[in-house]
PDB file of N, CA and C in Angstrom:
ATOM      1  N   MET A   1      -8.927   8.818   0.353  1.00  0.00           N
ATOM      2  CA  MET A   1      -8.597   9.725   0.085  1.00  0.00           C
ATOM      3  C   MET A   1      -7.997  10.455  -0.593  1.00  0.00           C
ATOM      4  N   VAL A   2      -8.457  11.415  -2.416  1.00  0.00           N
ATOM      5  CA  VAL A   2      -7.322  11.815  -2.602  1.00  0.00           C
ATOM      6  C   VAL A   2      -8.014  13.136  -2.393  1.00  0.00           C
ATOM      7  N   ASN A   3      -7.026  14.345  -2.632  1.00  0.00           N
ATOM      8  CA  ASN A   3      -7.341  15.849  -2.855  1.00  0.00           C
ATOM      9  C   ASN A   3      -8.504  16.038  -1.911  1.00  0.00           C
ATOM     10  N   ASP A   4      -8.717  15.138  -0.394  1.00  0.00           N
ATOM     11  CA  ASP A   4      -9.721  15.863   0.228  1.00  0.00           C
ATOM     12  C   ASP A   4     -11.468  15.326  -0.039  1.00  0.00           C
ATOM     13  N   LYS A   5     -11.136  14.107  -1.560  1.00  0.00           N
ATOM     14  CA  LYS A   5     -12.088  13.779  -1.900  1.00  0.00           C
ATOM     15  C   LYS A   5     -12.559  12.130  -1.654  1.00  0.00           C
ATOM     16  N   MET A   6     -13.402  11.537  -1.731  1.00  0.00           N
ATOM     17  CA  MET A   6     -13.468   9.512  -1.352  1.00  0.00           C
ATOM     18  C   MET A   6     -13.206   9.362  -2.883  1.00  0.00           C
ATOM     19  N   CYS A   7     -12.210   8.027  -2.822  1.00  0.00           N
ATOM     20  CA  CYS A   7     -11.236   8.055  -4.804  1.00  0.00           C
ATOM     21  C   CYS A   7     -11.101   6.389  -3.997  1.00  0.00           C
ATOM     22  N   VAL A   8     -10.697   5.836  -3.700  1.00  0.00           N
ATOM     23  CA  VAL A   8     -10.474   4.256  -3.594  1.00  0.00           C
ATOM     24  C   VAL A   8     -10.717   3.816  -1.922  1.00  0.00           C
ATOM     25  N   GLY A   9     -11.726   2.899  -1.887  1.00  0.00           N
ATOM     26  CA  GLY A   9     -11.762   2.102  -0.766  1.00  0.00           C
ATOM     27  C   GLY A   9     -11.371   0.054  -0.462  1.00  0.00           C
ATOM     28  N   VAL A  10     -10.969  -0.557   0.889  1.00  0.00           N
ATOM     29  CA  VAL A  10     -10.800  -1.609   0.519  1.00  0.00           C
ATOM     30  C   VAL A  10     -11.869  -2.407   1.024  1.00  0.00           C
ATOM     31  N   GLU A  11     -13.037  -3.209   1.066  1.00  0.00           N
ATOM     32  CA  GLU A  11     -13.737  -3.259   1.822  1.00  0.00           C
ATOM     33  C   GLU A  11     -14.229  -5.185   1.748  1.00  0.00           C
ATOM     34  N   SER A  12     -13.548  -5.971   3.221  1.00  0.00           N
ATOM     35  CA  SER A  12     -13.729  -7.570   2.889  1.00  0.00           C
ATOM     36  C   SER A  12     -12.473  -7.903   1.691  1.00  0.00           C
ATOM     37  N   GLU A  13     -13.750  -8.712   0.346  1.00  0.00           N
ATOM     38  CA  GLU A  13     -13.088  -9.055  -0.544  1.00  0.00           C
ATOM     39  C   GLU A  13     -13.471  -7.804  -1.910  1.00  0.00           C
ATOM     40  N   ARG A  14     -13.486  -6.545  -1.484  1.00  0.00           N
ATOM     41  CA  ARG A  14     -13.707  -5.677  -3.275  1.00  0.00           C
ATOM     42  C   ARG A  14     -13.565  -4.202  -2.861  1.00  0.00           C
ATOM     43  N   MET A  15     -13.106  -4.127  -4.092  1.00  0.00           N
ATOM     44  CA  MET A  15     -12.452  -3.164  -3.680  1.00  0.00           C
ATOM     45  C   MET A  15     -13.894  -1.717  -4.013  1.00  0.00           C
ATOM     46  N   MET A  16     -13.809  -0.766  -3.475  1.00  0.00           N
ATOM     47  CA  MET A  16     -14.652   0.393  -3.449  1.00  0.00           C
ATOM     48  C   MET A  16     -14.540   1.665  -4.480  1.00  0.00           C
ATOM     49  N   LEU A  17     -14.792   2.031  -5.590  1.00  0.00           N
ATOM     50  CA  LEU A  17     -14.339   2.875  -6.249  1.00  0.00           C
ATOM     51  C   LEU A  17     -15.001   4.161  -6.435  1.00  0.00           C
ATOM     52  N   ARG A  18     -14.895   5.408  -6.365  1.00  0.00           N
ATOM     53  CA  ARG A  18     -15.974   6.063  -7.699  1.00  0.00           C
ATOM     54  C   ARG A  18     -15.324   6.925  -8.755  1.00  0.00           C
ATOM     55  N   ILE A  19     -16.567   6.484  -9.374  1.00  0.00           N
ATOM     56  CA  ILE A  19     -15.636   6.800 -10.935  1.00  0.00           C
ATOM     57  C   ILE A  19     -16.959   7.955 -11.256  1.00  0.00           C
ATOM     58  N   ASP A  20     -16.364   8.335 -12.114  1.00  0.00           N
ATOM     59  CA  ASP A  20     -17.877   8.997 -13.346  1.00  0.00           C
ATOM     60  C   ASP A  20     -18.387   8.712 -13.101  1.00  0.00           C
ATOM     61  N   PRO A  21     -19.990   9.232 -13.011  1.00  0.00           N
ATOM     62  CA  PRO A  21     -21.369   8.687 -13.508  1.00  0.00           C
ATOM     63  C   PRO A  21     -21.800   8.468 -14.695  1.00  0.00           C
ATOM     64  N   ALA A  22     -21.034   9.184 -15.618  1.00  0.00           N
ATOM     65  CA  ALA A  22     -21.561   8.965 -17.106  1.00  0.00           C
ATOM     66  C   ALA A  22     -21.221   8.181 -16.448  1.00  0.00           C
ATOM     67  N   LYS A  23     -19.749   6.997 -16.485  1.00  0.00           N
ATOM     68  CA  LYS A  23     -19.327   5.879 -17.134  1.00  0.00           C
ATOM     69  C   LYS A  23     -20.021   4.289 -17.040  1.00  0.00           C
ATOM     70  N   TYR A  24     -20.625   4.594 -15.435  1.00  0.00           N
ATOM     71  CA  TYR A  24     -21.036   3.962 -14.959  1.00  0.00           C
ATOM     72  C   TYR A  24     -22.129   2.637 -15.383  1.00  0.00           C
ATOM     73  N   GLU A  25     -22.942   2.944 -16.151  1.00  0.00           N
ATOM     74  CA  GLU A  25     -23.212   1.809 -16.285  1.00  0.00           C
ATOM     75  C   GLU A  25     -22.927   0.727 -17.643  1.00  0.00           C
ATOM     76  N   ALA A  26     -21.503   1.609 -18.319  1.00  0.00           N
ATOM     77  CA  ALA A  26     -20.345   0.738 -19.427  1.00  0.00           C
ATOM     78  C   ALA A  26     -20.398   0.022 -18.277  1.00  0.00           C
ATOM     79  N   LEU A  27     -19.519   0.278 -16.995  1.00  0.00           N
ATOM     80  CA  LEU A  27     -19.042  -0.304 -15.910  1.00  0.00           C
ATOM     81  C   LEU A  27     -19.787  -1.489 -15.210  1.00  0.00           C
ATOM     82  N   MET A  28     -20.952  -1.224 -15.497  1.00  0.00           N
ATOM     83  CA  MET A  28     -21.442  -1.808 -14.984  1.00  0.00           C
ATOM     84  C   MET A  28     -21.647  -3.517 -15.601  1.00  0.00           C
ATOM     85  N   GLU A  29     -21.354  -3.309 -17.091  1.00  0.00           N
ATOM     86  CA  GLU A  29     -21.038  -4.166 -17.617  1.00  0.00           C
ATOM     87  C   GLU A  29     -19.441  -5.475 -17.454  1.00  0.00           C
ATOM     88  N   MET A  30     -18.705  -5.058 -17.128  1.00  0.00           N
ATOM     89  CA  MET A  30     -17.771  -5.391 -16.616  1.00  0.00           C
ATOM     90  C   MET A  30     -17.178  -6.781 -15.794  1.00  0.00           C
ATOM     91  N   GLU A  31     -16.796  -7.342 -16.125  1.00  0.00           N
ATOM     92  CA  GLU A  31     -16.203  -8.731 -14.699  1.00  0.00           C
ATOM     93  C   GLU A  31     -16.025  -8.309 -13.313  1.00  0.00           C
ATOM     94  N   GLY A  32     -17.135  -9.046 -12.111  1.00  0.00           N
ATOM     95  CA  GLY A  32     -16.363  -8.206 -11.580  1.00  0.00           C
ATOM     96  C   GLY A  32     -17.155  -6.738 -10.436  1.00  0.00           C
ATOM     97  N   CYS A  33     -17.737  -5.873 -11.594  1.00  0.00           N
ATOM     98  CA  CYS A  33     -17.633  -5.089 -10.822  1.00  0.00           C
ATOM     99  C   CYS A  33     -19.371  -4.832 -10.410  1.00  0.00           C
ATOM    100  N   ASN A  34     -19.719  -4.636  -9.433  1.00  0.00           N
ATOM    101  CA  ASN A  34     -21.087  -4.207  -9.045  1.00  0.00           C
ATOM    102  C   ASN A  34     -21.856  -2.710  -8.254  1.00  0.00           C
ATOM    103  N   PRO A  35     -22.857  -3.120  -8.704  1.00  0.00           N
ATOM    104  CA  PRO A  35     -23.315  -1.698  -7.720  1.00  0.00           C
ATOM    105  C   PRO A  35     -22.493  -1.491  -6.603  1.00  0.00           C
ATOM    106  N   MET A  36     -22.669  -0.011  -6.072  1.00  0.00           N
ATOM    107  CA  MET A  36     -21.803  -0.200  -4.199  1.00  0.00           C
ATOM    108  C   MET A  36     -23.249   0.211  -3.893  1.00  0.00           C
ATOM    109  N   ASP A  37     -23.743  -0.461  -2.597  1.00  0.00           N
ATOM    110  CA  ASP A  37     -24.922  -0.178  -1.827  1.00  0.00           C
ATOM    111  C   ASP A  37     -24.614  -0.700  -0.677  1.00  0.00           C
ATOM    112  N   PHE A  38     -23.662   0.261   0.048  1.00  0.00           N
ATOM    113  CA  PHE A  38     -23.216  -0.008   1.327  1.00  0.00           C
ATOM    114  C   PHE A  38     -23.935   0.519   1.503  1.00  0.00           C
ATOM    115  N   THR A  39     -25.158   1.339   1.856  1.00  0.00           N
ATOM    116  CA  THR A  39     -26.030   2.444   3.141  1.00  0.00           C
ATOM    117  C   THR A  39     -27.373   1.528   2.350  1.00  0.00           C
ATOM    118  N   GLY A  40     -26.881   0.025   1.880  1.00  0.00           N
ATOM    119  CA  GLY A  40     -28.833  -0.469   1.630  1.00  0.00           C
ATOM    120  C   GLY A  40     -29.547   0.568   0.257  1.00  0.00           C
ATOM    121  N   ARG A  41     -28.484   1.847  -0.532  1.00  0.00           N
ATOM    122  CA  ARG A  41     -29.079   1.947  -1.259  1.00  0.00           C
ATOM    123  C   ARG A  41     -28.156   2.341  -2.445  1.00  0.00           C
ATOM    124  N   VAL A  42     -28.121   1.824  -3.542  1.00  0.00           N
ATOM    125  CA  VAL A  42     -27.125   1.469  -4.725  1.00  0.00           C
ATOM    126  C   VAL A  42     -26.854   3.358  -4.845  1.00  0.00           C
ATOM    127  N   MET A  43     -25.675   3.229  -4.684  1.00  0.00           N
ATOM    128  CA  MET A  43     -25.217   4.974  -5.198  1.00  0.00           C
ATOM    129  C   MET A  43     -24.054   4.815  -6.448  1.00  0.00           C
ATOM    130  N   LYS A  44     -25.050   5.818  -7.459  1.00  0.00           N
ATOM    131  CA  LYS A  44     -24.352   5.750  -9.014  1.00  0.00           C
ATOM    132  C   LYS A  44     -22.786   6.687  -8.937  1.00  0.00           C
ATOM    133  N   GLY A  45     -21.750   6.068  -9.536  1.00  0.00           N
ATOM    134  CA  GLY A  45     -20.524   6.898  -9.000  1.00  0.00           C
ATOM    135  C   GLY A  45     -20.398   6.051  -8.600  1.00  0.00           C
ATOM    136  N   TYR A  46     -20.125   4.971  -7.642  1.00  0.00           N
ATOM    137  CA  TYR A  46     -19.386   4.150  -6.598  1.00  0.00           C
ATOM    138  C   TYR A  46     -20.101   3.064  -7.481  1.00  0.00           C
ATOM    139  N   VAL A  47     -18.615   2.089  -7.132  1.00  0.00           N
ATOM    140  CA  VAL A  47     -18.717   0.946  -7.705  1.00  0.00           C
ATOM    141  C   VAL A  47     -17.637   0.039  -6.835  1.00  0.00           C
ATOM    142  N   PHE A  48     -18.743  -1.606  -6.980  1.00  0.00           N
ATOM    143  CA  PHE A  48     -17.351  -2.635  -6.234  1.00  0.00           C
ATOM    144  C   PHE A  48     -16.853  -3.247  -6.878  1.00  0.00           C
ATOM    145  N   VAL A  49     -15.619  -3.643  -6.744  1.00  0.00           N
ATOM    146  CA  VAL A  49     -15.434  -4.839  -8.195  1.00  0.00           C
ATOM    147  C   VAL A  49     -14.414  -5.704  -7.231  1.00  0.00           C
ATOM    148  N   ASP A  50     -14.890  -6.809  -7.336  1.00  0.00           N
ATOM    149  CA  ASP A  50     -14.367  -8.208  -6.506  1.00  0.00           C
ATOM    150  C   ASP A  50     -12.990  -8.198  -6.530  1.00  0.00           C
ATOM    151  N   ALA A  51     -12.522  -8.525  -5.730  1.00  0.00           N
ATOM    152  CA  ALA A  51     -10.606  -8.844  -5.264  1.00  0.00           C
ATOM    153  C   ALA A  51     -10.295  -9.820  -6.583  1.00  0.00           C
ATOM    154  N   ALA A  52     -11.081 -10.814  -7.109  1.00  0.00           N
ATOM    155  CA  ALA A  52     -10.501 -11.786  -7.480  1.00  0.00           C
ATOM    156  C   ALA A  52     -10.198 -11.720  -9.520  1.00  0.00           C
ATOM    157  N   VAL A  53     -10.855 -10.343  -9.162  1.00  0.00           N
ATOM    158  CA  VAL A  53     -11.016  -9.950 -11.164  1.00  0.00           C
ATOM    159  C   VAL A  53     -10.047  -9.233 -10.802  1.00  0.00           C
ATOM    160  N   LEU A  54      -9.505  -9.237 -10.200  1.00  0.00           N
ATOM    161  CA  LEU A  54      -7.889  -7.545  -9.934  1.00  0.00           C
ATOM    162  C   LEU A  54      -6.738  -8.497 -10.118  1.00  0.00           C
ATOM    163  N   ASN A  55      -6.761  -9.743 -10.755  1.00  0.00           N
ATOM    164  CA  ASN A  55      -6.011 -10.489 -10.694  1.00  0.00           C
ATOM    165  C   ASN A  55      -4.573  -9.609 -11.131  1.00  0.00           C
ATOM    166  N   THR A  56      -4.355  -8.891 -11.908  1.00  0.00           N
ATOM    167  CA  THR A  56      -3.132  -8.781 -12.583  1.00  0.00           C
ATOM    168  C   THR A  56      -2.814  -7.646 -12.309  1.00  0.00           C
ATOM    169  N   LYS A  57      -1.550  -6.292 -12.361  1.00  0.00           N
ATOM    170  CA  LYS A  57      -1.278  -5.202 -12.576  1.00  0.00           C
ATOM    171  C   LYS A  57      -2.069  -4.004 -12.979  1.00  0.00           C
ATOM    172  N   LYS A  58      -1.794  -5.138 -14.537  1.00  0.00           N
ATOM    173  CA  LYS A  58      -2.729  -3.968 -15.510  1.00  0.00           C
ATOM    174  C   LYS A  58      -4.239  -4.236 -14.795  1.00  0.00           C
ATOM    175  N   LYS A  59      -4.628  -4.979 -14.494  1.00  0.00           N
ATOM    176  CA  LYS A  59      -6.220  -5.114 -13.714  1.00  0.00           C
ATOM    177  C   LYS A  59      -6.573  -4.091 -12.643  1.00  0.00           C
ATOM    178  N   LEU A  60      -5.726  -4.147 -12.083  1.00  0.00           N
ATOM    179  CA  LEU A  60      -5.799  -3.336 -10.936  1.00  0.00           C
ATOM    180  C   LEU A  60      -5.993  -1.140 -11.830  1.00  0.00           C
ATOM    181  N   GLU A  61      -4.411  -1.230 -12.362  1.00  0.00           N
ATOM    182  CA  GLU A  61      -4.328  -0.210 -12.844  1.00  0.00           C
ATOM    183  C   GLU A  61      -5.731   0.206 -13.168  1.00  0.00           C
ATOM    184  N   PHE A  62      -6.364  -0.741 -14.358  1.00  0.00           N
ATOM    185  CA  PHE A  62      -7.462  -0.215 -14.600  1.00  0.00           C
ATOM    186  C   PHE A  62      -8.204   0.555 -14.135  1.00  0.00           C
ATOM    187  N   TRP A  63      -8.720   0.377 -12.929  1.00  0.00           N
ATOM    188  CA  TRP A  63      -9.698   0.269 -11.669  1.00  0.00           C
ATOM    189  C   TRP A  63      -8.698   1.882 -11.119  1.00  0.00           C
ATOM    190  N   ILE A  64      -8.098   1.690 -11.021  1.00  0.00           N
ATOM    191  CA  ILE A  64      -7.486   2.768 -10.059  1.00  0.00           C
ATOM    192  C   ILE A  64      -7.371   3.660 -10.782  1.00  0.00           C
ATOM    193  N   ASN A  65      -7.007   3.538 -12.031  1.00  0.00           N
ATOM    194  CA  ASN A  65      -6.386   4.952 -13.141  1.00  0.00           C
ATOM    195  C   ASN A  65      -8.386   6.151 -12.870  1.00  0.00           C
ATOM    196  N   LEU A  66      -9.005   5.014 -13.321  1.00  0.00           N
ATOM    197  CA  LEU A  66     -10.301   5.597 -13.917  1.00  0.00           C
ATOM    198  C   LEU A  66     -11.214   6.381 -12.848  1.00  0.00           C
ATOM    199  N   ALA A  67     -10.735   5.858 -10.611  1.00  0.00           N
ATOM    200  CA  ALA A  67     -10.976   6.689  -9.800  1.00  0.00           C
ATOM    201  C   ALA A  67     -10.615   7.564 -10.113  1.00  0.00           C
ATOM    202  N   LEU A  68      -9.115   7.895 -10.283  1.00  0.00           N
ATOM    203  CA  LEU A  68      -8.146   9.471 -10.588  1.00  0.00           C
ATOM    204  C   LEU A  68      -8.625   9.789 -11.369  1.00  0.00           C
ATOM    205  N   GLU A  69      -8.790   9.228 -11.967  1.00  0.00           N
ATOM    206  CA  GLU A  69      -9.432  10.174 -13.847  1.00  0.00           C
ATOM    207  C   GLU A  69     -10.616  11.074 -13.071  1.00  0.00           C
ATOM    208  N   TYR A  70     -11.357  10.288 -12.600  1.00  0.00           N
ATOM    209  CA  TYR A  70     -12.873  10.712 -12.200  1.00  0.00           C
ATOM    210  C   TYR A  70     -12.374  11.729 -10.157  1.00  0.00           C
ATOM    211  N   ASN A  71     -11.336  11.602  -9.632  1.00  0.00           N
ATOM    212  CA  ASN A  71     -11.145  12.212  -8.723  1.00  0.00           C
ATOM    213  C   ASN A  71     -10.640  13.976  -9.070  1.00  0.00           C
ATOM    214  N   ALA A  72      -9.552  14.026 -10.288  1.00  0.00           N
ATOM    215  CA  ALA A  72      -9.690  15.010 -10.577  1.00  0.00           C
ATOM    216  C   ALA A  72     -10.576  16.128 -11.031  1.00  0.00           C
ATOM    217  N   ILE A  73     -12.073  15.238 -11.299  1.00  0.00           N
ATOM    218  CA  ILE A  73     -12.899  16.894 -11.794  1.00  0.00           C
ATOM    219  C   ILE A  73     -14.258  16.629 -10.797  1.00  0.00           C
ATOM    220  N   ALA A  74     -14.168  15.245  -9.851  1.00  0.00           N
ATOM    221  CA  ALA A  74     -15.175  15.592  -9.124  1.00  0.00           C
ATOM    222  C   ALA A  74     -14.850  16.803  -7.849  1.00  0.00           C
ATOM    223  N   LYS A  75     -16.340  16.559  -7.234  1.00  0.00           N
ATOM    224  CA  LYS A  75     -16.553  18.024  -7.161  1.00  0.00           C
ATOM    225  C   LYS A  75     -16.223  16.947  -5.316  1.00  0.00           C
ATOM    226  N   THR A  76     -16.058  18.068  -4.081  1.00  0.00           N
ATOM    227  CA  THR A  76     -15.768  17.889  -3.279  1.00  0.00           C
ATOM    228  C   THR A  76     -17.329  17.795  -2.420  1.00  0.00           C
ATOM    229  N   SER A  77     -16.746  16.567  -1.081  1.00  0.00           N
ATOM    230  CA  SER A  77     -18.133  16.460  -0.291  1.00  0.00           C
ATOM    231  C   SER A  77     -18.544  18.021   0.375  1.00  0.00           C
ATOM    232  N   LYS A  78     -19.856  17.615   0.894  1.00  0.00           N
ATOM    233  CA  LYS A  78     -19.720  18.984   2.043  1.00  0.00           C
ATOM    234  C   LYS A  78     -19.244  18.810   2.638  1.00  0.00           C
ATOM    235  N   LYS A  79     -18.507  19.041   3.712  1.00  0.00           N
ATOM    236  CA  LYS A  79     -18.437  18.613   5.626  1.00  0.00           C
ATOM    237  C   LYS A  79     -19.553  19.352   6.535  1.00  0.00           C
ATOM    238  N   LYS A  80     -20.003  18.639   7.139  1.00  0.00           N
ATOM    239  CA  LYS A  80     -20.915  18.914   8.509  1.00  0.00           C
ATOM    240  C   LYS A  80     -20.434  19.443   9.143  1.00  0.00           C
ATOM    241  N   LYS A  81     -22.236  20.634   9.161  1.00  0.00           N
ATOM    242  CA  LYS A  81     -21.199  21.342  10.657  1.00  0.00           C
ATOM    243  C   LYS A  81     -21.318  20.959  12.288  1.00  0.00           C
ATOM    244  N   LYS A  82     -19.987  20.908  12.770  1.00  0.00           N
ATOM    245  CA  LYS A  82     -20.315  20.580  14.006  1.00  0.00           C
ATOM    246  C   LYS A  82     -21.075  21.139  15.081  1.00  0.00           C
TER     247      LYS A  82
END
């Protein structure tokens, strides 16, 4: 979480990122990038990136920076009422 917004996470052998939905289709073409279907439904604006392609600092920083760029303009999720 960054600024109370989902940004980056790790799940097994892949990283989950919240990215700009406008960049979603282009990023899907990149090696190791897959749709996030954690709930069984694809969520546009969220992707999984396989750990195998994050094998250099430059590659890891590329993906983290994409998530941080979008985080700066992303809306916060509505909090559930208790």
